[in-house]
Amino acid sequence: AVHRTLKEAGTELGAVTEIVVGAGPGPYTGLRVGLVTAA
């Protein structure tokens, strides 16, 4: 999904200047996927 979004925008991950991630609340496993990826 990250790859598709970057491709749609015509840019690369290296151009990102800030990141925001949903911190929940949510089920343990699913929530950690986003948090760990963002970190």
PDB file of all heavy atoms in Angstrom:
ATOM      1  N   ALA A   1       0.830  -1.210   0.000  1.00  0.00           N
ATOM      2  CA  ALA A   1       0.000   0.000   0.000  1.00  0.00           C
ATOM      3  C   ALA A   1       0.861   1.254   0.000  1.00  0.00           C
ATOM      4  O   ALA A   1       0.543   2.246  -0.673  1.00  0.00           O
ATOM      5  CB  ALA A   1      -0.936  -0.005   1.207  1.00  0.00           C
ATOM      6  N   VAL A   2       1.953   1.234   0.757  1.00  0.00           N
ATOM      7  CA  VAL A   2       2.882   2.367   0.748  1.00  0.00           C
ATOM      8  C   VAL A   2       3.451   2.548  -0.654  1.00  0.00           C
ATOM      9  O   VAL A   2       3.526   3.672  -1.182  1.00  0.00           O
ATOM     10  CB  VAL A   2       4.018   2.144   1.772  1.00  0.00           C
ATOM     11  CG1 VAL A   2       5.092   3.227   1.621  1.00  0.00           C
ATOM     12  CG2 VAL A   2       3.464   2.142   3.194  1.00  0.00           C
ATOM     13  N   HIS A   3       3.857   1.448  -1.283  1.00  0.00           N
ATOM     14  CA  HIS A   3       4.418   1.509  -2.638  1.00  0.00           C
ATOM     15  C   HIS A   3       3.412   2.087  -3.617  1.00  0.00           C
ATOM     16  O   HIS A   3       3.750   2.956  -4.442  1.00  0.00           O
ATOM     17  CB  HIS A   3       4.853   0.110  -3.070  1.00  0.00           C
ATOM     18  CG  HIS A   3       5.350   0.055  -4.484  1.00  0.00           C
ATOM     19  ND1 HIS A   3       6.583   0.542  -4.862  1.00  0.00           N
ATOM     20  CD2 HIS A   3       4.758  -0.414  -5.624  1.00  0.00           C
ATOM     21  CE1 HIS A   3       6.745   0.374  -6.164  1.00  0.00           C
ATOM     22  NE2 HIS A   3       5.660  -0.203  -6.642  1.00  0.00           N
ATOM     23  N   ARG A   4       2.159   1.624  -3.573  1.00  0.00           N
ATOM     24  CA  ARG A   4       1.136   2.133  -4.484  1.00  0.00           C
ATOM     25  C   ARG A   4       0.897   3.619  -4.285  1.00  0.00           C
ATOM     26  O   ARG A   4       0.725   4.377  -5.251  1.00  0.00           O
ATOM     27  CB  ARG A   4      -0.189   1.386  -4.267  1.00  0.00           C
ATOM     28  CG  ARG A   4      -0.243  -0.010  -4.836  1.00  0.00           C
ATOM     29  CD  ARG A   4      -1.681  -0.520  -4.891  1.00  0.00           C
ATOM     30  NE  ARG A   4      -2.346  -0.452  -3.606  1.00  0.00           N
ATOM     31  CZ  ARG A   4      -2.289  -1.417  -2.690  1.00  0.00           C
ATOM     32  NH1 ARG A   4      -1.575  -2.516  -2.926  1.00  0.00           N
ATOM     33  NH2 ARG A   4      -2.944  -1.307  -1.549  1.00  0.00           N
ATOM     34  N   THR A   5       0.875   4.038  -3.033  1.00  0.00           N
ATOM     35  CA  THR A   5       0.612   5.445  -2.733  1.00  0.00           C
ATOM     36  C   THR A   5       1.736   6.338  -3.242  1.00  0.00           C
ATOM     37  O   THR A   5       1.485   7.402  -3.834  1.00  0.00           O
ATOM     38  CB  THR A   5       0.419   5.630  -1.216  1.00  0.00           C
ATOM     39  OG1 THR A   5      -0.616   4.759  -0.754  1.00  0.00           O
ATOM     40  CG2 THR A   5       0.039   7.060  -0.882  1.00  0.00           C
ATOM     41  N   LEU A   6       2.970   5.917  -3.021  1.00  0.00           N
ATOM     42  CA  LEU A   6       4.114   6.682  -3.532  1.00  0.00           C
ATOM     43  C   LEU A   6       4.094   6.739  -5.052  1.00  0.00           C
ATOM     44  O   LEU A   6       4.355   7.786  -5.666  1.00  0.00           O
ATOM     45  CB  LEU A   6       5.416   6.057  -3.042  1.00  0.00           C
ATOM     46  CG  LEU A   6       5.704   6.179  -1.545  1.00  0.00           C
ATOM     47  CD1 LEU A   6       6.854   5.257  -1.146  1.00  0.00           C
ATOM     48  CD2 LEU A   6       6.035   7.626  -1.164  1.00  0.00           C
ATOM     49  N   LYS A   7       3.776   5.609  -5.695  1.00  0.00           N
ATOM     50  CA  LYS A   7       3.724   5.564  -7.152  1.00  0.00           C
ATOM     51  C   LYS A   7       2.639   6.480  -7.688  1.00  0.00           C
ATOM     52  O   LYS A   7       2.831   7.196  -8.688  1.00  0.00           O
ATOM     53  CB  LYS A   7       3.489   4.128  -7.609  1.00  0.00           C
ATOM     54  CG  LYS A   7       3.526   3.958  -9.119  1.00  0.00           C
ATOM     55  CD  LYS A   7       3.358   2.490  -9.510  1.00  0.00           C
ATOM     56  CE  LYS A   7       3.412   2.315 -11.028  1.00  0.00           C
ATOM     57  NZ  LYS A   7       3.259   0.884 -11.415  1.00  0.00           N
ATOM     58  N   GLU A   8       1.466   6.472  -7.043  1.00  0.00           N
ATOM     59  CA  GLU A   8       0.370   7.344  -7.472  1.00  0.00           C
ATOM     60  C   GLU A   8       0.759   8.803  -7.387  1.00  0.00           C
ATOM     61  O   GLU A   8       0.370   9.617  -8.239  1.00  0.00           O
ATOM     62  CB  GLU A   8      -0.869   7.080  -6.615  1.00  0.00           C
ATOM     63  CG  GLU A   8      -2.078   7.942  -6.982  1.00  0.00           C
ATOM     64  CD  GLU A   8      -3.248   7.733  -6.045  1.00  0.00           C
ATOM     65  OE1 GLU A   8      -3.300   6.689  -5.366  1.00  0.00           O
ATOM     66  OE2 GLU A   8      -4.125   8.617  -5.992  1.00  0.00           O
ATOM     67  N   ALA A   9       1.520   9.144  -6.343  1.00  0.00           N
ATOM     68  CA  ALA A   9       1.945  10.531  -6.151  1.00  0.00           C
ATOM     69  C   ALA A   9       3.137  10.895  -7.014  1.00  0.00           C
ATOM     70  O   ALA A   9       3.527  12.076  -7.078  1.00  0.00           O
ATOM     71  CB  ALA A   9       2.281  10.770  -4.680  1.00  0.00           C
ATOM     72  N   GLY A  10       3.754   9.903  -7.648  1.00  0.00           N
ATOM     73  CA  GLY A  10       4.920  10.170  -8.486  1.00  0.00           C
ATOM     74  C   GLY A  10       6.140  10.577  -7.694  1.00  0.00           C
ATOM     75  O   GLY A  10       6.928  11.421  -8.143  1.00  0.00           O
ATOM     76  N   THR A  11       6.322   9.969  -6.534  1.00  0.00           N
ATOM     77  CA  THR A  11       7.451  10.324  -5.690  1.00  0.00           C
ATOM     78  C   THR A  11       8.055   9.068  -5.078  1.00  0.00           C
ATOM     79  O   THR A  11       7.615   7.948  -5.359  1.00  0.00           O
ATOM     80  CB  THR A  11       7.019  11.312  -4.587  1.00  0.00           C
ATOM     81  OG1 THR A  11       8.178  11.796  -3.914  1.00  0.00           O
ATOM     82  CG2 THR A  11       6.077  10.650  -3.590  1.00  0.00           C
ATOM     83  N   GLU A  12       9.090   9.243  -4.243  1.00  0.00           N
ATOM     84  CA  GLU A  12       9.759   8.129  -3.598  1.00  0.00           C
ATOM     85  C   GLU A  12       9.754   8.318  -2.091  1.00  0.00           C
ATOM     86  O   GLU A  12       9.550   9.435  -1.591  1.00  0.00           O
ATOM     87  CB  GLU A  12      11.201   8.013  -4.104  1.00  0.00           C
ATOM     88  CG  GLU A  12      11.302   7.715  -5.597  1.00  0.00           C
ATOM     89  CD  GLU A  12      12.741   7.589  -6.052  1.00  0.00           C
ATOM     90  OE1 GLU A  12      13.660   7.848  -5.224  1.00  0.00           O
ATOM     91  OE2 GLU A  12      12.960   7.237  -7.227  1.00  0.00           O
ATOM     92  N   LEU A  13       9.993   7.227  -1.384  1.00  0.00           N
ATOM     93  CA  LEU A  13       9.968   7.281   0.078  1.00  0.00           C
ATOM     94  C   LEU A  13      10.967   8.296   0.621  1.00  0.00           C
ATOM     95  O   LEU A  13      10.711   8.958   1.627  1.00  0.00           O
ATOM     96  CB  LEU A  13      10.266   5.888   0.657  1.00  0.00           C
ATOM     97  CG  LEU A  13      10.160   5.739   2.169  1.00  0.00           C
ATOM     98  CD1 LEU A  13       8.744   6.038   2.656  1.00  0.00           C
ATOM     99  CD2 LEU A  13      10.565   4.322   2.592  1.00  0.00           C
ATOM    100  N   GLY A  14      12.096   8.441  -0.054  1.00  0.00           N
ATOM    101  CA  GLY A  14      13.117   9.369   0.421  1.00  0.00           C
ATOM    102  C   GLY A  14      12.690  10.819   0.435  1.00  0.00           C
ATOM    103  O   GLY A  14      13.339  11.654   1.079  1.00  0.00           O
ATOM    104  N   ALA A  15      11.596  11.150  -0.257  1.00  0.00           N
ATOM    105  CA  ALA A  15      11.113  12.536  -0.278  1.00  0.00           C
ATOM    106  C   ALA A  15      10.238  12.870   0.921  1.00  0.00           C
ATOM    107  O   ALA A  15       9.930  14.039   1.161  1.00  0.00           O
ATOM    108  CB  ALA A  15      10.328  12.787  -1.559  1.00  0.00           C
ATOM    109  N   VAL A  16       9.838  11.854   1.689  1.00  0.00           N
ATOM    110  CA  VAL A  16       8.969  12.078   2.846  1.00  0.00           C
ATOM    111  C   VAL A  16       9.708  12.883   3.913  1.00  0.00           C
ATOM    112  O   VAL A  16      10.867  12.603   4.234  1.00  0.00           O
ATOM    113  CB  VAL A  16       8.498  10.730   3.429  1.00  0.00           C
ATOM    114  CG1 VAL A  16       7.831  10.908   4.786  1.00  0.00           C
ATOM    115  CG2 VAL A  16       7.549  10.049   2.453  1.00  0.00           C
ATOM    116  N   THR A  17       9.041  13.894   4.466  1.00  0.00           N
ATOM    117  CA  THR A  17       9.659  14.749   5.476  1.00  0.00           C
ATOM    118  C   THR A  17       9.129  14.503   6.884  1.00  0.00           C
ATOM    119  O   THR A  17       9.778  14.857   7.861  1.00  0.00           O
ATOM    120  CB  THR A  17       9.434  16.235   5.141  1.00  0.00           C
ATOM    121  OG1 THR A  17       8.024  16.511   5.098  1.00  0.00           O
ATOM    122  CG2 THR A  17      10.060  16.580   3.796  1.00  0.00           C
ATOM    123  N   GLU A  18       7.922  13.919   6.987  1.00  0.00           N
ATOM    124  CA  GLU A  18       7.350  13.602   8.295  1.00  0.00           C
ATOM    125  C   GLU A  18       6.428  12.402   8.149  1.00  0.00           C
ATOM    126  O   GLU A  18       5.896  12.130   7.065  1.00  0.00           O
ATOM    127  CB  GLU A  18       6.560  14.785   8.875  1.00  0.00           C
ATOM    128  CG  GLU A  18       7.418  16.026   9.105  1.00  0.00           C
ATOM    129  CD  GLU A  18       6.733  17.057   9.985  1.00  0.00           C
ATOM    130  OE1 GLU A  18       6.372  16.722  11.125  1.00  0.00           O
ATOM    131  OE2 GLU A  18       6.564  18.185   9.508  1.00  0.00           O
ATOM    132  N   ILE A  19       6.208  11.702   9.265  1.00  0.00           N
ATOM    133  CA  ILE A  19       5.347  10.522   9.271  1.00  0.00           C
ATOM    134  C   ILE A  19       4.366  10.640  10.424  1.00  0.00           C
ATOM    135  O   ILE A  19       4.730  11.061  11.519  1.00  0.00           O
ATOM    136  CB  ILE A  19       6.187   9.238   9.430  1.00  0.00           C
ATOM    137  CG1 ILE A  19       7.142   9.070   8.236  1.00  0.00           C
ATOM    138  CG2 ILE A  19       5.290   8.001   9.559  1.00  0.00           C
ATOM    139  CD1 ILE A  19       8.160   7.954   8.429  1.00  0.00           C
ATOM    140  N   VAL A  20       3.124  10.275  10.172  1.00  0.00           N
ATOM    141  CA  VAL A  20       2.139  10.173  11.248  1.00  0.00           C
ATOM    142  C   VAL A  20       1.507   8.789  11.161  1.00  0.00           C
ATOM    143  O   VAL A  20       1.228   8.286  10.070  1.00  0.00           O
ATOM    144  CB  VAL A  20       1.064  11.279  11.157  1.00  0.00           C
ATOM    145  CG1 VAL A  20       0.269  11.191   9.864  1.00  0.00           C
ATOM    146  CG2 VAL A  20       0.130  11.220  12.359  1.00  0.00           C
ATOM    147  N   VAL A  21       1.323   8.178  12.311  1.00  0.00           N
ATOM    148  CA  VAL A  21       0.777   6.825  12.363  1.00  0.00           C
ATOM    149  C   VAL A  21      -0.367   6.774  13.364  1.00  0.00           C
ATOM    150  O   VAL A  21      -0.333   7.431  14.408  1.00  0.00           O
ATOM    151  CB  VAL A  21       1.879   5.803  12.741  1.00  0.00           C
ATOM    152  CG1 VAL A  21       2.507   6.126  14.087  1.00  0.00           C
ATOM    153  CG2 VAL A  21       1.338   4.376  12.739  1.00  0.00           C
ATOM    154  N   GLY A  22      -1.396   6.011  13.021  1.00  0.00           N
ATOM    155  CA  GLY A  22      -2.496   5.809  13.954  1.00  0.00           C
ATOM    156  C   GLY A  22      -2.031   5.002  15.145  1.00  0.00           C
ATOM    157  O   GLY A  22      -1.514   3.894  14.998  1.00  0.00           O
ATOM    158  N   ALA A  23      -2.216   5.539  16.347  1.00  0.00           N
ATOM    159  CA  ALA A  23      -1.713   4.907  17.568  1.00  0.00           C
ATOM    160  C   ALA A  23      -2.765   4.067  18.273  1.00  0.00           C
ATOM    161  O   ALA A  23      -2.556   3.607  19.385  1.00  0.00           O
ATOM    162  CB  ALA A  23      -1.190   5.986  18.525  1.00  0.00           C
ATOM    163  N   GLY A  24      -3.906   3.840  17.602  1.00  0.00           N
ATOM    164  CA  GLY A  24      -4.956   3.052  18.215  1.00  0.00           C
ATOM    165  C   GLY A  24      -5.972   3.941  18.930  1.00  0.00           C
ATOM    166  O   GLY A  24      -5.991   5.157  18.724  1.00  0.00           O
ATOM    167  N   PRO A  25      -6.778   3.310  19.750  1.00  0.00           N
ATOM    168  CA  PRO A  25      -6.712   1.916  20.204  1.00  0.00           C
ATOM    169  C   PRO A  25      -7.066   0.933  19.104  1.00  0.00           C
ATOM    170  O   PRO A  25      -7.795   1.255  18.179  1.00  0.00           O
ATOM    171  CB  PRO A  25      -7.739   1.871  21.334  1.00  0.00           C
ATOM    172  CG  PRO A  25      -8.720   2.963  20.999  1.00  0.00           C
ATOM    173  CD  PRO A  25      -7.917   4.048  20.357  1.00  0.00           C
ATOM    174  N   GLY A  26      -6.499  -0.281  19.244  1.00  0.00           N
ATOM    175  CA  GLY A  26      -6.753  -1.319  18.276  1.00  0.00           C
ATOM    176  C   GLY A  26      -6.204  -2.637  18.775  1.00  0.00           C
ATOM    177  O   GLY A  26      -5.440  -2.673  19.747  1.00  0.00           O
ATOM    178  N   PRO A  27      -6.580  -3.731  18.126  1.00  0.00           N
ATOM    179  CA  PRO A  27      -6.043  -5.044  18.498  1.00  0.00           C
ATOM    180  C   PRO A  27      -4.523  -5.057  18.426  1.00  0.00           C
ATOM    181  O   PRO A  27      -3.921  -4.453  17.536  1.00  0.00           O
ATOM    182  CB  PRO A  27      -6.670  -5.978  17.458  1.00  0.00           C
ATOM    183  CG  PRO A  27      -7.933  -5.289  17.060  1.00  0.00           C
ATOM    184  CD  PRO A  27      -7.615  -3.831  17.089  1.00  0.00           C
ATOM    185  N   TYR A  28      -3.917  -5.779  19.332  1.00  0.00           N
ATOM    186  CA  TYR A  28      -2.470  -5.729  19.556  1.00  0.00           C
ATOM    187  C   TYR A  28      -1.655  -5.957  18.286  1.00  0.00           C
ATOM    188  O   TYR A  28      -0.803  -5.134  17.916  1.00  0.00           O
ATOM    189  CB  TYR A  28      -2.105  -6.776  20.611  1.00  0.00           C
ATOM    190  CG  TYR A  28      -0.665  -6.786  21.036  1.00  0.00           C
ATOM    191  CD1 TYR A  28      -0.210  -5.939  22.050  1.00  0.00           C
ATOM    192  CD2 TYR A  28       0.249  -7.645  20.447  1.00  0.00           C
ATOM    193  CE1 TYR A  28       1.118  -5.948  22.452  1.00  0.00           C
ATOM    194  CE2 TYR A  28       1.582  -7.662  20.839  1.00  0.00           C
ATOM    195  CZ  TYR A  28       2.006  -6.826  21.848  1.00  0.00           C
ATOM    196  OH  TYR A  28       3.316  -6.855  22.234  1.00  0.00           O
ATOM    197  N   THR A  29      -1.897  -7.064  17.587  1.00  0.00           N
ATOM    198  CA  THR A  29      -1.045  -7.433  16.452  1.00  0.00           C
ATOM    199  C   THR A  29      -1.181  -6.446  15.303  1.00  0.00           C
ATOM    200  O   THR A  29      -0.179  -5.957  14.766  1.00  0.00           O
ATOM    201  CB  THR A  29      -1.381  -8.853  15.968  1.00  0.00           C
ATOM    202  OG1 THR A  29      -1.204  -9.763  17.051  1.00  0.00           O
ATOM    203  CG2 THR A  29      -0.472  -9.264  14.824  1.00  0.00           C
ATOM    204  N   GLY A  30      -2.409  -6.133  14.907  1.00  0.00           N
ATOM    205  CA  GLY A  30      -2.599  -5.211  13.806  1.00  0.00           C
ATOM    206  C   GLY A  30      -2.040  -3.841  14.099  1.00  0.00           C
ATOM    207  O   GLY A  30      -1.395  -3.223  13.237  1.00  0.00           O
ATOM    208  N   LEU A  31      -2.262  -3.348  15.284  1.00  0.00           N
ATOM    209  CA  LEU A  31      -1.774  -2.023  15.665  1.00  0.00           C
ATOM    210  C   LEU A  31      -0.260  -1.940  15.578  1.00  0.00           C
ATOM    211  O   LEU A  31       0.304  -0.952  15.087  1.00  0.00           O
ATOM    212  CB  LEU A  31      -2.254  -1.690  17.076  1.00  0.00           C
ATOM    213  CG  LEU A  31      -1.796  -0.368  17.699  1.00  0.00           C
ATOM    214  CD1 LEU A  31      -2.151   0.804  16.807  1.00  0.00           C
ATOM    215  CD2 LEU A  31      -2.407  -0.199  19.079  1.00  0.00           C
ATOM    216  N   ARG A  32       0.427  -2.986  16.023  1.00  0.00           N
ATOM    217  CA  ARG A  32       1.888  -2.961  16.026  1.00  0.00           C
ATOM    218  C   ARG A  32       2.476  -2.921  14.617  1.00  0.00           C
ATOM    219  O   ARG A  32       3.566  -2.379  14.420  1.00  0.00           O
ATOM    220  CB  ARG A  32       2.430  -4.174  16.778  1.00  0.00           C
ATOM    221  CG  ARG A  32       2.318  -4.056  18.283  1.00  0.00           C
ATOM    222  CD  ARG A  32       3.037  -5.187  18.991  1.00  0.00           C
ATOM    223  NE  ARG A  32       4.455  -5.175  18.716  1.00  0.00           N
ATOM    224  CZ  ARG A  32       5.348  -4.411  19.354  1.00  0.00           C
ATOM    225  NH1 ARG A  32       4.936  -3.579  20.289  1.00  0.00           N
ATOM    226  NH2 ARG A  32       6.623  -4.466  19.054  1.00  0.00           N
ATOM    227  N   VAL A  33       1.793  -3.483  13.645  1.00  0.00           N
ATOM    228  CA  VAL A  33       2.311  -3.464  12.273  1.00  0.00           C
ATOM    229  C   VAL A  33       2.546  -2.031  11.811  1.00  0.00           C
ATOM    230  O   VAL A  33       3.615  -1.690  11.287  1.00  0.00           O
ATOM    231  CB  VAL A  33       1.336  -4.192  11.322  1.00  0.00           C
ATOM    232  CG1 VAL A  33       1.731  -3.964   9.871  1.00  0.00           C
ATOM    233  CG2 VAL A  33       1.308  -5.680  11.627  1.00  0.00           C
ATOM    234  N   GLY A  34       1.560  -1.176  11.997  1.00  0.00           N
ATOM    235  CA  GLY A  34       1.698   0.207  11.586  1.00  0.00           C
ATOM    236  C   GLY A  34       2.723   0.967  12.388  1.00  0.00           C
ATOM    237  O   GLY A  34       3.533   1.729  11.836  1.00  0.00           O
ATOM    238  N   LEU A  35       2.725   0.762  13.695  1.00  0.00           N
ATOM    239  CA  LEU A  35       3.656   1.489  14.558  1.00  0.00           C
ATOM    240  C   LEU A  35       5.104   1.108  14.270  1.00  0.00           C
ATOM    241  O   LEU A  35       5.982   1.982  14.188  1.00  0.00           O
ATOM    242  CB  LEU A  35       3.316   1.213  16.023  1.00  0.00           C
ATOM    243  CG  LEU A  35       2.037   1.878  16.534  1.00  0.00           C
ATOM    244  CD1 LEU A  35       1.593   1.255  17.839  1.00  0.00           C
ATOM    245  CD2 LEU A  35       2.252   3.380  16.711  1.00  0.00           C
ATOM    246  N   VAL A  36       5.365  -0.173  14.120  1.00  0.00           N
ATOM    247  CA  VAL A  36       6.737  -0.613  13.849  1.00  0.00           C
ATOM    248  C   VAL A  36       7.192  -0.139  12.468  1.00  0.00           C
ATOM    249  O   VAL A  36       8.340   0.290  12.289  1.00  0.00           O
ATOM    250  CB  VAL A  36       6.840  -2.146  13.974  1.00  0.00           C
ATOM    251  CG1 VAL A  36       8.191  -2.639  13.467  1.00  0.00           C
ATOM    252  CG2 VAL A  36       6.642  -2.566  15.425  1.00  0.00           C
ATOM    253  N   THR A  37       6.313  -0.210  11.485  1.00  0.00           N
ATOM    254  CA  THR A  37       6.661   0.256  10.144  1.00  0.00           C
ATOM    255  C   THR A  37       6.977   1.743  10.146  1.00  0.00           C
ATOM    256  O   THR A  37       7.963   2.184   9.543  1.00  0.00           O
ATOM    257  CB  THR A  37       5.516  -0.047   9.158  1.00  0.00           C
ATOM    258  OG1 THR A  37       5.276  -1.452   9.138  1.00  0.00           O
ATOM    259  CG2 THR A  37       5.869   0.421   7.761  1.00  0.00           C
ATOM    260  N   ALA A  38       6.144   2.530  10.827  1.00  0.00           N
ATOM    261  CA  ALA A  38       6.383   3.974  10.905  1.00  0.00           C
ATOM    262  C   ALA A  38       7.707   4.272  11.593  1.00  0.00           C
ATOM    263  O   ALA A  38       8.483   5.133  11.134  1.00  0.00           O
ATOM    264  CB  ALA A  38       5.230   4.655  11.644  1.00  0.00           C
ATOM    265  N   ALA A  39       7.991   3.571  12.683  1.00  0.00           N
ATOM    266  CA  ALA A  39       9.249   3.789  13.404  1.00  0.00           C
ATOM    267  C   ALA A  39      10.443   3.413  12.537  1.00  0.00           C
ATOM    268  O   ALA A  39      11.477   4.107  12.548  1.00  0.00           O
ATOM    269  CB  ALA A  39       9.250   2.978  14.692  1.00  0.00           C
TER     270      ALA A  39
END
